C-alpha cells in the first residue's frame, strides 16, 4: 500500500509543471551554469543562459541540422540534446551533470531538455 502511494506521488510530482520548471533550474545550476553563465559563455562560444537572441540562433542552427539529418534527429531539440549528451566543442558530454558532486543528480534526457528550456527563456 505504501509503495503504491509512493509511486502515485512520484508520478504526480514528475508530471507537475512546477516540478518540471524546477528540474530545469536545478539541472542548470549543477550541470550548465559553469559554462553558460552570461559572463563566461561568450568567451567559450556557448550560448549564454537567458540570452533569447543567442538561443534563438542556436535553435535555428539546430533545426537546419535536424532537417539535414532526418534519420538521426526528429527536431531541433533532438539535435541539441544529442550534442549535450556526446559533448560539442568545449562542452563535456552531459554538460557537467555526471561530474556534479551533488546527491540524487538527474542526468536524464528529461532533465537535460528542461535545462535547455530553462536557459533559453
Protein backbone atom coordinates (compact mmCIF):
# COMPACT_ATOMS: atom_id res chain seq x y z
CA UNK A 1 0.00 0.00 0.00
CA UNK A 2 2.77 2.45 0.93
CA UNK A 3 4.63 1.54 -2.24
CA UNK A 4 1.59 2.34 -4.40
CA UNK A 5 1.15 5.68 -2.66
CA UNK A 6 4.81 6.46 -3.23
CA UNK A 7 4.55 5.60 -6.92
CA UNK A 8 1.42 7.75 -7.32
CA UNK A 9 3.11 10.65 -5.58
CA UNK A 10 6.24 10.28 -7.74
CA UNK A 11 4.17 10.24 -10.95
CA UNK A 12 2.28 13.33 -9.80
CA UNK A 13 5.42 15.23 -8.89
CA UNK A 14 7.26 14.45 -12.11
CA UNK A 15 4.26 15.39 -14.25
CA UNK A 16 3.66 18.61 -12.33
CA UNK A 17 4.69 21.73 -14.34
CA UNK A 18 6.20 23.33 -11.23
CA UNK A 19 8.50 20.33 -10.77
CA UNK A 20 9.47 20.45 -14.45
CA UNK A 21 10.38 24.13 -14.12
CA UNK A 22 12.43 23.41 -11.02
CA UNK A 23 14.08 20.43 -12.73
CA UNK A 24 15.38 22.75 -15.46
CA UNK A 25 16.70 25.26 -12.96
CA UNK A 26 18.23 22.54 -10.76
CA UNK A 27 19.91 20.83 -13.71
CA UNK A 28 21.20 24.19 -14.99
CA UNK A 29 22.65 25.00 -11.56
CA UNK A 30 24.56 21.72 -11.26
CA UNK A 31 25.45 20.93 -14.87
CA UNK A 32 25.30 24.00 -17.09
CA UNK A 33 25.87 27.16 -15.08
CA UNK A 34 29.67 26.99 -15.03
CA UNK A 35 29.90 27.40 -18.80
CA UNK A 36 26.59 29.01 -19.78
CA UNK A 37 26.73 31.77 -17.17
CA UNK A 38 26.32 35.02 -19.11
CA UNK A 39 29.73 36.41 -18.09
CA UNK A 40 31.66 33.35 -19.35
CA UNK A 41 29.60 31.79 -22.12
CA UNK A 42 30.58 34.13 -24.94
CA UNK A 43 34.28 33.58 -24.24
CA UNK A 44 33.88 29.85 -24.84
CA UNK A 45 31.34 30.26 -27.66
CA UNK A 46 28.43 28.80 -25.71
CA UNK A 47 25.01 30.43 -25.82
CA UNK A 48 24.63 32.43 -22.59
CA UNK A 49 21.79 31.40 -20.32
CA UNK A 50 18.76 33.68 -20.62
CA UNK A 51 20.04 35.31 -23.84
CA UNK A 52 16.97 34.83 -26.02
CA UNK A 53 18.71 36.03 -29.18
CA UNK A 54 21.61 33.57 -28.77
CA UNK A 55 19.26 30.67 -28.06
CA UNK A 56 17.00 31.58 -30.97
CA UNK A 57 20.05 31.41 -33.24
CA UNK A 58 21.16 28.11 -31.68
CA UNK A 59 17.70 26.59 -32.23
CA UNK A 60 17.66 27.88 -35.82
CA UNK A 61 21.01 26.16 -36.47
CA UNK A 62 19.78 23.01 -34.73
CA UNK A 63 16.63 22.96 -36.86
CA UNK A 64 18.77 23.06 -40.01
CA UNK A 65 20.96 20.21 -38.72
CA UNK A 66 17.89 18.16 -37.81
CA UNK A 67 16.39 18.77 -41.25
CA UNK A 68 19.65 17.71 -42.93
CA UNK A 69 19.79 14.52 -40.82
CA UNK A 70 16.17 13.32 -40.53
CA UNK A 71 17.15 9.72 -39.83
CA UNK A 72 19.03 10.83 -36.73
CA UNK A 73 17.06 13.83 -35.43
CA UNK A 74 13.33 14.49 -35.37
CA UNK A 75 13.61 18.06 -34.13
CA UNK A 76 15.96 20.86 -33.18
CA UNK A 77 15.68 19.76 -29.55
CA UNK A 78 16.76 16.22 -30.51
CA UNK A 79 19.86 17.70 -32.14
CA UNK A 80 20.65 19.88 -29.12
CA UNK A 81 20.08 17.00 -26.70
CA UNK A 82 22.40 14.79 -28.76
CA UNK A 83 25.13 17.43 -28.58
CA UNK A 84 24.70 17.80 -24.84
CA UNK A 85 24.93 14.04 -24.37
CA UNK A 86 28.04 13.50 -26.52
CA UNK A 87 29.65 16.89 -25.98
CA UNK A 88 30.45 19.57 -28.51
CA UNK A 89 33.33 22.00 -28.72
CA UNK A 90 34.45 22.66 -25.15
CA UNK A 91 31.31 21.13 -23.65
CA UNK A 92 31.80 17.85 -21.82
CA UNK A 93 29.39 15.02 -22.51
CA UNK A 94 26.28 15.65 -20.44
CA UNK A 95 27.47 19.16 -19.64
CA UNK A 96 28.92 18.63 -16.19
CA UNK A 97 25.91 16.66 -14.96
CA UNK A 98 27.66 13.35 -14.33
CA UNK A 99 30.61 15.11 -12.72
CA UNK A 100 28.43 17.08 -10.29
CA UNK A 101 29.17 16.27 -6.68
CA UNK A 102 25.52 16.51 -5.72
CA UNK A 103 23.40 13.69 -4.31
CA UNK A 104 20.49 12.47 -6.47
CA UNK A 105 21.73 14.13 -9.65
CA UNK A 106 19.29 13.64 -12.52
CA UNK A 107 21.11 13.44 -15.85
CA UNK A 108 18.15 12.04 -17.77
CA UNK A 109 17.07 13.31 -21.17
CA UNK A 110 14.11 14.96 -19.44
CA UNK A 111 16.41 16.86 -17.06
CA UNK A 112 18.78 17.97 -19.83
CA UNK A 113 15.87 19.15 -22.01
CA UNK A 114 14.42 21.00 -19.02
CA UNK A 115 17.79 22.73 -18.53
CA UNK A 116 17.94 23.75 -22.20
CA UNK A 117 14.42 25.16 -21.96
CA UNK A 118 15.31 26.95 -18.73
CA UNK A 119 18.38 28.59 -20.27
CA UNK A 120 16.57 29.73 -23.41
CA UNK A 121 13.83 31.70 -21.65
